[in-house]
Every structure is written in structure tokens, then in C-alpha cells.
């Protein structure tokens, strides 16, 4: 995110399948040391497809929870869904460059 409006945001999406009722969902970014960099979303969700158009908080601007730009490097995006019967998490690596 260098302010040139080209690839300055990470736009993410996820899909929830086979949950009964609402499930607790959290979307968080971690550095490679496992430290939380930014918690983007925590809330309840039903089955469906969620993306940056339907949930603006799924647009990440490269800033940490304190509002500072993160250093260039590799990061991990975790989407965790906690349902009644089971919980699951998906982790995807991505890079930040300036």
C-alpha cells in the first residue's frame, strides 16, 4: 500500500457451508511470528458467500490495529468459523510490498 491506488488493498472473501443457524466468524491477520497484526472482523454469520463488497471490513489497507502501515513481508490471513458441531480455520499466506 503505497498510495498509488494500484493493489493498495487486500480484498478477501470466504464461504460458509453446512452450519445450522449462525456461527461465530473471525477474520484476522498475523505476522510470521504468530502475533496478531489486525483483527478485521468478529461476528456471527449464516451459510453464504462473504466478500469485500458485502462486508467492507474484508478490505485490508495494510495497517495494523494501531493504524500504522505494516512492514513489507509475508503475513497470514486466518478465517475461523466456530459452529455448533465443529470449528474450522483456513490460513492463507500473502505478501505485502511497497
PDB file of N, CA and C in Angstrom:
ATOM      1  N   UNK A   1       0.812  -1.206   0.000  1.00  0.00           N
ATOM      2  CA  UNK A   1       0.000   0.000   0.000  1.00  0.00           C
ATOM      3  C   UNK A   1       0.848   1.259   0.000  1.00  0.00           C
ATOM      4  N   UNK A   2       1.096   1.790  -1.206  1.00  0.00           N
ATOM      5  CA  UNK A   2       1.948   2.972  -1.295  1.00  0.00           C
ATOM      6  C   UNK A   2       1.177   4.220  -1.725  1.00  0.00           C
ATOM      7  N   UNK A   3      -0.151   4.128  -1.786  1.00  0.00           N
ATOM      8  CA  UNK A   3      -0.960   5.290  -2.090  1.00  0.00           C
ATOM      9  C   UNK A   3      -1.181   5.567  -3.560  1.00  0.00           C
ATOM     10  N   UNK A   4      -0.722   4.673  -4.450  1.00  0.00           N
ATOM     11  CA  UNK A   4      -0.922   4.917  -5.879  1.00  0.00           C
ATOM     12  C   UNK A   4      -2.237   4.339  -6.408  1.00  0.00           C
ATOM     13  N   UNK A   5      -3.053   3.777  -5.514  1.00  0.00           N
ATOM     14  CA  UNK A   5      -4.373   3.202  -5.847  1.00  0.00           C
ATOM     15  C   UNK A   5      -4.279   1.942  -6.700  1.00  0.00           C
ATOM     16  N   UNK A   6      -3.103   1.356  -6.814  1.00  0.00           N
ATOM     17  CA  UNK A   6      -2.931   0.094  -7.536  1.00  0.00           C
ATOM     18  C   UNK A   6      -2.501  -0.955  -6.519  1.00  0.00           C
ATOM     19  N   UNK A   7      -3.319  -1.974  -6.335  1.00  0.00           N
ATOM     20  CA  UNK A   7      -3.028  -3.057  -5.389  1.00  0.00           C
ATOM     21  C   UNK A   7      -2.748  -2.540  -3.978  1.00  0.00           C
ATOM     22  N   UNK A   8      -3.432  -1.487  -3.572  1.00  0.00           N
ATOM     23  CA  UNK A   8      -3.233  -0.922  -2.241  1.00  0.00           C
ATOM     24  C   UNK A   8      -4.070  -1.610  -1.172  1.00  0.00           C
ATOM     25  N   UNK A   9      -4.980  -2.480  -1.570  1.00  0.00           N
ATOM     26  CA  UNK A   9      -5.849  -3.170  -0.617  1.00  0.00           C
ATOM     27  C   UNK A   9      -5.886  -4.660  -0.920  1.00  0.00           C
ATOM     28  N   UNK A  10      -5.976  -5.420   0.152  1.00  0.00           N
ATOM     29  CA  UNK A  10      -6.213  -6.856   0.029  1.00  0.00           C
ATOM     30  C   UNK A  10      -7.715  -7.058   0.156  1.00  0.00           C
ATOM     31  N   UNK A  11      -8.337  -7.561  -0.890  1.00  0.00           N
ATOM     32  CA  UNK A  11      -9.773  -7.824  -0.869  1.00  0.00           C
ATOM     33  C   UNK A  11      -9.957  -9.326  -0.724  1.00  0.00           C
ATOM     34  N   UNK A  12     -10.627  -9.729   0.342  1.00  0.00           N
ATOM     35  CA  UNK A  12     -10.760 -11.148   0.618  1.00  0.00           C
ATOM     36  C   UNK A  12     -12.209 -11.578   0.572  1.00  0.00           C
ATOM     37  N   UNK A  13     -12.396 -12.904   0.491  1.00  0.00           N
ATOM     38  CA  UNK A  13     -13.743 -13.468   0.520  1.00  0.00           C
ATOM     39  C   UNK A  13     -13.663 -14.850   1.156  1.00  0.00           C
ATOM     40  N   UNK A  14     -14.808 -15.308   1.672  1.00  0.00           N
ATOM     41  CA  UNK A  14     -14.890 -16.657   2.217  1.00  0.00           C
ATOM     42  C   UNK A  14     -16.312 -17.147   2.077  1.00  0.00           C
ATOM     43  N   UNK A  15     -16.481 -18.454   2.201  1.00  0.00           N
ATOM     44  CA  UNK A  15     -17.788 -19.083   2.077  1.00  0.00           C
ATOM     45  C   UNK A  15     -18.029 -19.973   3.282  1.00  0.00           C
ATOM     46  N   UNK A  16     -19.213 -19.890   3.837  1.00  0.00           N
ATOM     47  CA  UNK A  16     -19.593 -20.741   4.961  1.00  0.00           C
ATOM     48  C   UNK A  16     -20.633 -21.724   4.465  1.00  0.00           C
ATOM     49  N   UNK A  17     -20.363 -22.992   4.692  1.00  0.00           N
ATOM     50  CA  UNK A  17     -21.271 -24.054   4.272  1.00  0.00           C
ATOM     51  C   UNK A  17     -21.617 -24.946   5.450  1.00  0.00           C
ATOM     52  N   UNK A  18     -22.800 -25.469   5.436  1.00  0.00           N
ATOM     53  CA  UNK A  18     -23.227 -26.535   6.349  1.00  0.00           C
ATOM     54  C   UNK A  18     -23.174 -26.166   7.825  1.00  0.00           C
ATOM     55  N   UNK A  19     -23.557 -24.954   8.162  1.00  0.00           N
ATOM     56  CA  UNK A  19     -23.752 -24.626   9.575  1.00  0.00           C
ATOM     57  C   UNK A  19     -25.247 -24.441   9.804  1.00  0.00           C
ATOM     58  N   UNK A  20     -25.688 -24.847  10.973  1.00  0.00           N
ATOM     59  CA  UNK A  20     -27.092 -24.683  11.344  1.00  0.00           C
ATOM     60  C   UNK A  20     -27.195 -23.409  12.173  1.00  0.00           C
ATOM     61  N   UNK A  21     -27.992 -22.482  11.712  1.00  0.00           N
ATOM     62  CA  UNK A  21     -28.098 -21.207  12.417  1.00  0.00           C
ATOM     63  C   UNK A  21     -26.889 -20.341  12.137  1.00  0.00           C
ATOM     64  N   UNK A  22     -26.492 -19.579  13.128  1.00  0.00           N
ATOM     65  CA  UNK A  22     -25.349 -18.689  12.969  1.00  0.00           C
ATOM     66  C   UNK A  22     -24.100 -19.295  13.586  1.00  0.00           C
ATOM     67  N   UNK A  23     -22.975 -18.986  12.991  1.00  0.00           N
ATOM     68  CA  UNK A  23     -21.674 -19.422  13.503  1.00  0.00           C
ATOM     69  C   UNK A  23     -20.841 -18.180  13.818  1.00  0.00           C
ATOM     70  N   UNK A  24     -19.963 -18.309  14.803  1.00  0.00           N
ATOM     71  CA  UNK A  24     -19.043 -17.209  15.129  1.00  0.00           C
ATOM     72  C   UNK A  24     -17.910 -17.235  14.109  1.00  0.00           C
ATOM     73  N   UNK A  25     -17.638 -16.097  13.513  1.00  0.00           N
ATOM     74  CA  UNK A  25     -16.605 -15.982  12.481  1.00  0.00           C
ATOM     75  C   UNK A  25     -15.600 -14.929  12.915  1.00  0.00           C
ATOM     76  N   UNK A  26     -14.322 -15.233  12.715  1.00  0.00           N
ATOM     77  CA  UNK A  26     -13.295 -14.211  12.931  1.00  0.00           C
ATOM     78  C   UNK A  26     -12.347 -14.218  11.736  1.00  0.00           C
ATOM     79  N   UNK A  27     -11.956 -13.022  11.329  1.00  0.00           N
ATOM     80  CA  UNK A  27     -11.008 -12.834  10.232  1.00  0.00           C
ATOM     81  C   UNK A  27      -9.869 -11.995  10.796  1.00  0.00           C
ATOM     82  N   UNK A  28      -8.650 -12.554  10.744  1.00  0.00           N
ATOM     83  CA  UNK A  28      -7.520 -11.899  11.412  1.00  0.00           C
ATOM     84  C   UNK A  28      -6.250 -12.081  10.598  1.00  0.00           C
ATOM     85  N   UNK A  29      -5.372 -11.104  10.697  1.00  0.00           N
ATOM     86  CA  UNK A  29      -4.080 -11.150  10.012  1.00  0.00           C
ATOM     87  C   UNK A  29      -2.982 -11.273  11.065  1.00  0.00           C
ATOM     88  N   UNK A  30      -2.047 -12.197  10.798  1.00  0.00           N
ATOM     89  CA  UNK A  30      -0.931 -12.467  11.700  1.00  0.00           C
ATOM     90  C   UNK A  30       0.386 -12.266  10.960  1.00  0.00           C
ATOM     91  N   UNK A  31       1.440 -11.918  11.709  1.00  0.00           N
ATOM     92  CA  UNK A  31       2.777 -11.947  11.119  1.00  0.00           C
ATOM     93  C   UNK A  31       3.320 -13.370  11.241  1.00  0.00           C
ATOM     94  N   UNK A  32       4.488 -13.614  10.688  1.00  0.00           N
ATOM     95  CA  UNK A  32       5.036 -14.976  10.700  1.00  0.00           C
ATOM     96  C   UNK A  32       5.469 -15.436  12.083  1.00  0.00           C
ATOM     97  N   UNK A  33       5.555 -14.521  13.037  1.00  0.00           N
ATOM     98  CA  UNK A  33       5.864 -14.892  14.421  1.00  0.00           C
ATOM     99  C   UNK A  33       4.598 -15.320  15.167  1.00  0.00           C
ATOM    100  N   UNK A  34       3.439 -15.266  14.484  1.00  0.00           N
ATOM    101  CA  UNK A  34       2.188 -15.671  15.103  1.00  0.00           C
ATOM    102  C   UNK A  34       1.494 -14.575  15.887  1.00  0.00           C
ATOM    103  N   UNK A  35       1.998 -13.352  15.794  1.00  0.00           N
ATOM    104  CA  UNK A  35       1.390 -12.227  16.514  1.00  0.00           C
ATOM    105  C   UNK A  35       0.273 -11.621  15.675  1.00  0.00           C
ATOM    106  N   UNK A  36      -0.822 -11.293  16.320  1.00  0.00           N
ATOM    107  CA  UNK A  36      -1.927 -10.660  15.624  1.00  0.00           C
ATOM    108  C   UNK A  36      -1.515  -9.257  15.176  1.00  0.00           C
ATOM    109  N   UNK A  37      -1.732  -8.980  13.904  1.00  0.00           N
ATOM    110  CA  UNK A  37      -1.420  -7.672  13.336  1.00  0.00           C
ATOM    111  C   UNK A  37      -2.692  -6.832  13.238  1.00  0.00           C
ATOM    112  N   UNK A  38      -3.770  -7.474  12.783  1.00  0.00           N
ATOM    113  CA  UNK A  38      -5.034  -6.752  12.622  1.00  0.00           C
ATOM    114  C   UNK A  38      -6.204  -7.724  12.688  1.00  0.00           C
ATOM    115  N   UNK A  39      -7.139  -7.426  13.532  1.00  0.00           N
ATOM    116  CA  UNK A  39      -8.388  -8.192  13.594  1.00  0.00           C
ATOM    117  C   UNK A  39      -9.389  -7.428  12.737  1.00  0.00           C
ATOM    118  N   UNK A  40      -9.799  -8.047  11.630  1.00  0.00           N
ATOM    119  CA  UNK A  40     -10.673  -7.372  10.685  1.00  0.00           C
ATOM    120  C   UNK A  40     -12.150  -7.544  10.997  1.00  0.00           C
ATOM    121  N   UNK A  41     -12.518  -8.727  11.468  1.00  0.00           N
ATOM    122  CA  UNK A  41     -13.937  -8.988  11.696  1.00  0.00           C
ATOM    123  C   UNK A  41     -14.115 -10.063  12.755  1.00  0.00           C
ATOM    124  N   UNK A  42     -15.055  -9.856  13.648  1.00  0.00           N
ATOM    125  CA  UNK A  42     -15.520 -10.872  14.589  1.00  0.00           C
ATOM    126  C   UNK A  42     -17.021 -10.670  14.689  1.00  0.00           C
ATOM    127  N   UNK A  43     -17.762 -11.732  14.401  1.00  0.00           N
ATOM    128  CA  UNK A  43     -19.205 -11.612  14.462  1.00  0.00           C
ATOM    129  C   UNK A  43     -19.886 -12.920  14.142  1.00  0.00           C
ATOM    130  N   UNK A  44     -21.182 -12.862  13.932  1.00  0.00           N
ATOM    131  CA  UNK A  44     -21.969 -14.036  13.609  1.00  0.00           C
ATOM    132  C   UNK A  44     -22.346 -14.007  12.138  1.00  0.00           C
ATOM    133  N   UNK A  45     -22.423 -15.206  11.537  1.00  0.00           N
ATOM    134  CA  UNK A  45     -22.776 -15.299  10.120  1.00  0.00           C
ATOM    135  C   UNK A  45     -23.489 -16.615   9.847  1.00  0.00           C
ATOM    136  N   UNK A  46     -24.350 -16.592   8.848  1.00  0.00           N
ATOM    137  CA  UNK A  46     -25.058 -17.782   8.364  1.00  0.00           C
ATOM    138  C   UNK A  46     -24.300 -18.377   7.190  1.00  0.00           C
ATOM    139  N   UNK A  47     -24.824 -19.466   6.648  1.00  0.00           N
ATOM    140  CA  UNK A  47     -24.293 -20.013   5.397  1.00  0.00           C
ATOM    141  C   UNK A  47     -24.332 -18.936   4.331  1.00  0.00           C
ATOM    142  N   UNK A  48     -23.297 -18.882   3.523  1.00  0.00           N
ATOM    143  CA  UNK A  48     -23.288 -17.906   2.438  1.00  0.00           C
ATOM    144  C   UNK A  48     -21.888 -17.542   2.006  1.00  0.00           C
ATOM    145  N   UNK A  49     -21.840 -16.668   1.034  1.00  0.00           N
ATOM    146  CA  UNK A  49     -20.578 -16.159   0.495  1.00  0.00           C
ATOM    147  C   UNK A  49     -20.404 -14.732   0.998  1.00  0.00           C
ATOM    148  N   UNK A  50     -19.248 -14.461   1.562  1.00  0.00           N
ATOM    149  CA  UNK A  50     -18.952 -13.145   2.115  1.00  0.00           C
ATOM    150  C   UNK A  50     -17.723 -12.592   1.408  1.00  0.00           C
ATOM    151  N   UNK A  51     -17.801 -11.340   0.972  1.00  0.00           N
ATOM    152  CA  UNK A  51     -16.675 -10.733   0.274  1.00  0.00           C
ATOM    153  C   UNK A  51     -16.581  -9.255   0.634  1.00  0.00           C
ATOM    154  N   UNK A  52     -15.605  -8.593   0.037  1.00  0.00           N
ATOM    155  CA  UNK A  52     -15.352  -7.190   0.358  1.00  0.00           C
ATOM    156  C   UNK A  52     -16.504  -6.284  -0.063  1.00  0.00           C
ATOM    157  N   UNK A  53     -17.325  -6.714  -1.024  1.00  0.00           N
ATOM    158  CA  UNK A  53     -18.484  -5.905  -1.429  1.00  0.00           C
ATOM    159  C   UNK A  53     -19.574  -5.949  -0.370  1.00  0.00           C
ATOM    160  N   UNK A  54     -19.805  -7.134   0.217  1.00  0.00           N
ATOM    161  CA  UNK A  54     -20.870  -7.271   1.215  1.00  0.00           C
ATOM    162  C   UNK A  54     -20.397  -6.936   2.623  1.00  0.00           C
ATOM    163  N   UNK A  55     -19.102  -7.032   2.875  1.00  0.00           N
ATOM    164  CA  UNK A  55     -18.518  -6.723   4.187  1.00  0.00           C
ATOM    165  C   UNK A  55     -17.300  -5.826   3.979  1.00  0.00           C
ATOM    166  N   UNK A  56     -17.451  -4.531   4.086  1.00  0.00           N
ATOM    167  CA  UNK A  56     -16.329  -3.616   3.835  1.00  0.00           C
ATOM    168  C   UNK A  56     -15.091  -3.902   4.682  1.00  0.00           C
ATOM    169  N   UNK A  57     -15.266  -4.500   5.872  1.00  0.00           N
ATOM    170  CA  UNK A  57     -14.107  -4.793   6.718  1.00  0.00           C
ATOM    171  C   UNK A  57     -13.204  -5.871   6.113  1.00  0.00           C
ATOM    172  N   UNK A  58     -13.644  -6.527   5.036  1.00  0.00           N
ATOM    173  CA  UNK A  58     -12.798  -7.508   4.357  1.00  0.00           C
ATOM    174  C   UNK A  58     -11.885  -6.855   3.322  1.00  0.00           C
ATOM    175  N   UNK A  59     -11.827  -5.551   3.314  1.00  0.00           N
ATOM    176  CA  UNK A  59     -10.843  -4.776   2.556  1.00  0.00           C
ATOM    177  C   UNK A  59      -9.756  -4.372   3.537  1.00  0.00           C
ATOM    178  N   UNK A  60      -8.555  -4.902   3.389  1.00  0.00           N
ATOM    179  CA  UNK A  60      -7.483  -4.552   4.323  1.00  0.00           C
ATOM    180  C   UNK A  60      -6.547  -3.554   3.669  1.00  0.00           C
ATOM    181  N   UNK A  61      -6.253  -2.483   4.369  1.00  0.00           N
ATOM    182  CA  UNK A  61      -5.446  -1.387   3.836  1.00  0.00           C
ATOM    183  C   UNK A  61      -3.965  -1.464   4.205  1.00  0.00           C
ATOM    184  N   UNK A  62      -3.531  -2.585   4.757  1.00  0.00           N
ATOM    185  CA  UNK A  62      -2.117  -2.734   5.101  1.00  0.00           C
ATOM    186  C   UNK A  62      -1.733  -2.104   6.423  1.00  0.00           C
ATOM    187  N   UNK A  63      -2.714  -1.770   7.234  1.00  0.00           N
ATOM    188  CA  UNK A  63      -2.431  -1.141   8.525  1.00  0.00           C
ATOM    189  C   UNK A  63      -2.719  -2.103   9.674  1.00  0.00           C
ATOM    190  N   UNK A  64      -1.966  -1.947  10.760  1.00  0.00           N
ATOM    191  CA  UNK A  64      -2.178  -2.774  11.944  1.00  0.00           C
ATOM    192  C   UNK A  64      -3.317  -2.196  12.781  1.00  0.00           C
ATOM    193  N   UNK A  65      -3.591  -2.809  13.915  1.00  0.00           N
ATOM    194  CA  UNK A  65      -4.673  -2.331  14.778  1.00  0.00           C
ATOM    195  C   UNK A  65      -4.427  -0.914  15.302  1.00  0.00           C
ATOM    196  N   UNK A  66      -3.178  -0.488  15.320  1.00  0.00           N
ATOM    197  CA  UNK A  66      -2.837   0.872  15.761  1.00  0.00           C
ATOM    198  C   UNK A  66      -2.905   1.910  14.655  1.00  0.00           C
ATOM    199  N   UNK A  67      -3.246   1.488  13.435  1.00  0.00           N
ATOM    200  CA  UNK A  67      -3.362   2.419  12.314  1.00  0.00           C
ATOM    201  C   UNK A  67      -2.075   2.671  11.557  1.00  0.00           C
ATOM    202  N   UNK A  68      -1.000   1.951  11.898  1.00  0.00           N
ATOM    203  CA  UNK A  68       0.292   2.137  11.217  1.00  0.00           C
ATOM    204  C   UNK A  68       0.440   1.119  10.097  1.00  0.00           C
ATOM    205  N   UNK A  69       1.109   1.523   9.004  1.00  0.00           N
ATOM    206  CA  UNK A  69       1.382   0.585   7.921  1.00  0.00           C
ATOM    207  C   UNK A  69       2.301  -0.521   8.420  1.00  0.00           C
ATOM    208  N   UNK A  70       1.998  -1.753   8.042  1.00  0.00           N
ATOM    209  CA  UNK A  70       2.846  -2.869   8.446  1.00  0.00           C
ATOM    210  C   UNK A  70       4.092  -2.889   7.565  1.00  0.00           C
ATOM    211  N   UNK A  71       5.193  -3.445   8.058  1.00  0.00           N
ATOM    212  CA  UNK A  71       6.397  -3.543   7.229  1.00  0.00           C
ATOM    213  C   UNK A  71       6.183  -4.535   6.083  1.00  0.00           C
ATOM    214  N   UNK A  72       6.919  -4.372   4.985  1.00  0.00           N
ATOM    215  CA  UNK A  72       6.834  -5.342   3.903  1.00  0.00           C
ATOM    216  C   UNK A  72       7.218  -6.730   4.417  1.00  0.00           C
ATOM    217  N   UNK A  73       6.629  -7.746   3.837  1.00  0.00           N
ATOM    218  CA  UNK A  73       6.961  -9.111   4.232  1.00  0.00           C
ATOM    219  C   UNK A  73       5.788 -10.046   4.026  1.00  0.00           C
ATOM    220  N   UNK A  74       5.922 -11.244   4.584  1.00  0.00           N
ATOM    221  CA  UNK A  74       4.878 -12.257   4.482  1.00  0.00           C
ATOM    222  C   UNK A  74       3.977 -12.206   5.708  1.00  0.00           C
ATOM    223  N   UNK A  75       2.692 -12.411   5.462  1.00  0.00           N
ATOM    224  CA  UNK A  75       1.682 -12.403   6.516  1.00  0.00           C
ATOM    225  C   UNK A  75       0.734 -13.571   6.304  1.00  0.00           C
ATOM    226  N   UNK A  76      -0.055 -13.858   7.318  1.00  0.00           N
ATOM    227  CA  UNK A  76      -1.023 -14.954   7.259  1.00  0.00           C
ATOM    228  C   UNK A  76      -2.420 -14.414   7.508  1.00  0.00           C
ATOM    229  N   UNK A  77      -3.347 -14.791   6.650  1.00  0.00           N
ATOM    230  CA  UNK A  77      -4.748 -14.447   6.812  1.00  0.00           C
ATOM    231  C   UNK A  77      -5.469 -15.672   7.343  1.00  0.00           C
ATOM    232  N   UNK A  78      -6.142 -15.526   8.481  1.00  0.00           N
ATOM    233  CA  UNK A  78      -6.876 -16.648   9.072  1.00  0.00           C
ATOM    234  C   UNK A  78      -8.366 -16.321   9.113  1.00  0.00           C
ATOM    235  N   UNK A  79      -9.171 -17.247   8.585  1.00  0.00           N
ATOM    236  CA  UNK A  79     -10.625 -17.174   8.707  1.00  0.00           C
ATOM    237  C   UNK A  79     -11.038 -18.367   9.546  1.00  0.00           C
ATOM    238  N   UNK A  80     -11.642 -18.096  10.691  1.00  0.00           N
ATOM    239  CA  UNK A  80     -12.044 -19.161  11.615  1.00  0.00           C
ATOM    240  C   UNK A  80     -13.558 -19.134  11.778  1.00  0.00           C
ATOM    241  N   UNK A  81     -14.176 -20.326  11.665  1.00  0.00           N
ATOM    242  CA  UNK A  81     -15.617 -20.474  11.820  1.00  0.00           C
ATOM    243  C   UNK A  81     -15.867 -21.460  12.948  1.00  0.00           C
ATOM    244  N   UNK A  82     -16.603 -21.021  13.959  1.00  0.00           N
ATOM    245  CA  UNK A  82     -16.928 -21.869  15.108  1.00  0.00           C
ATOM    246  C   UNK A  82     -18.419 -22.195  15.063  1.00  0.00           C
ATOM    247  N   UNK A  83     -18.740 -23.418  14.606  1.00  0.00           N
ATOM    248  CA  UNK A  83     -20.125 -23.856  14.541  1.00  0.00           C
ATOM    249  C   UNK A  83     -20.520 -24.644  15.774  1.00  0.00           C
ATOM    250  N   UNK A  84     -21.769 -25.089  15.800  1.00  0.00           N
ATOM    251  CA  UNK A  84     -22.255 -25.881  16.937  1.00  0.00           C
ATOM    252  C   UNK A  84     -21.529 -27.212  17.051  1.00  0.00           C
ATOM    253  N   UNK A  85     -21.369 -27.911  15.935  1.00  0.00           N
ATOM    254  CA  UNK A  85     -20.802 -29.252  15.962  1.00  0.00           C
ATOM    255  C   UNK A  85     -19.281 -29.263  15.868  1.00  0.00           C
ATOM    256  N   UNK A  86     -18.723 -28.314  15.128  1.00  0.00           N
ATOM    257  CA  UNK A  86     -17.270 -28.291  14.972  1.00  0.00           C
ATOM    258  C   UNK A  86     -16.808 -26.906  14.570  1.00  0.00           C
ATOM    259  N   UNK A  87     -15.510 -26.722  14.653  1.00  0.00           N
ATOM    260  CA  UNK A  87     -14.894 -25.469  14.253  1.00  0.00           C
ATOM    261  C   UNK A  87     -13.844 -25.754  13.201  1.00  0.00           C
ATOM    262  N   UNK A  88     -13.580 -24.785  12.359  1.00  0.00           N
ATOM    263  CA  UNK A  88     -12.528 -24.950  11.362  1.00  0.00           C
ATOM    264  C   UNK A  88     -11.892 -23.593  11.083  1.00  0.00           C
ATOM    265  N   UNK A  89     -10.672 -23.644  10.614  1.00  0.00           N
ATOM    266  CA  UNK A  89      -9.945 -22.423  10.267  1.00  0.00           C
ATOM    267  C   UNK A  89      -9.180 -22.664   8.984  1.00  0.00           C
ATOM    268  N   UNK A  90      -9.081 -21.621   8.190  1.00  0.00           N
ATOM    269  CA  UNK A  90      -8.290 -21.636   6.974  1.00  0.00           C
ATOM    270  C   UNK A  90      -7.250 -20.543   7.088  1.00  0.00           C
ATOM    271  N   UNK A  91      -6.024 -20.868   6.719  1.00  0.00           N
ATOM    272  CA  UNK A  91      -4.943 -19.897   6.774  1.00  0.00           C
ATOM    273  C   UNK A  91      -4.312 -19.797   5.394  1.00  0.00           C
ATOM    274  N   UNK A  92      -4.186 -18.576   4.893  1.00  0.00           N
ATOM    275  CA  UNK A  92      -3.582 -18.321   3.594  1.00  0.00           C
ATOM    276  C   UNK A  92      -2.441 -17.325   3.744  1.00  0.00           C
ATOM    277  N   UNK A  93      -1.260 -17.645   3.191  1.00  0.00           N
ATOM    278  CA  UNK A  93      -0.169 -16.682   3.231  1.00  0.00           C
ATOM    279  C   UNK A  93      -0.325 -15.633   2.115  1.00  0.00           C
ATOM    280  N   UNK A  94       0.208 -14.458   2.356  1.00  0.00           N
ATOM    281  CA  UNK A  94       0.234 -13.416   1.327  1.00  0.00           C
ATOM    282  C   UNK A  94       1.373 -12.458   1.643  1.00  0.00           C
ATOM    283  N   UNK A  95       1.759 -11.689   0.665  1.00  0.00           N
ATOM    284  CA  UNK A  95       2.862 -10.765   0.834  1.00  0.00           C
ATOM    285  C   UNK A  95       2.431  -9.312   0.784  1.00  0.00           C
ATOM    286  N   UNK A  96       3.151  -8.486   1.513  1.00  0.00           N
ATOM    287  CA  UNK A  96       2.972  -7.030   1.468  1.00  0.00           C
ATOM    288  C   UNK A  96       4.258  -6.440   0.923  1.00  0.00           C
ATOM    289  N   UNK A  97       4.125  -5.613  -0.117  1.00  0.00           N
ATOM    290  CA  UNK A  97       5.297  -4.972  -0.729  1.00  0.00           C
ATOM    291  C   UNK A  97       4.960  -3.513  -0.996  1.00  0.00           C
ATOM    292  N   UNK A  98       5.990  -2.675  -1.010  1.00  0.00           N
ATOM    293  CA  UNK A  98       5.805  -1.257  -1.301  1.00  0.00           C
ATOM    294  C   UNK A  98       6.542  -0.890  -2.557  1.00  0.00           C
TER     295      UNK A  98
END
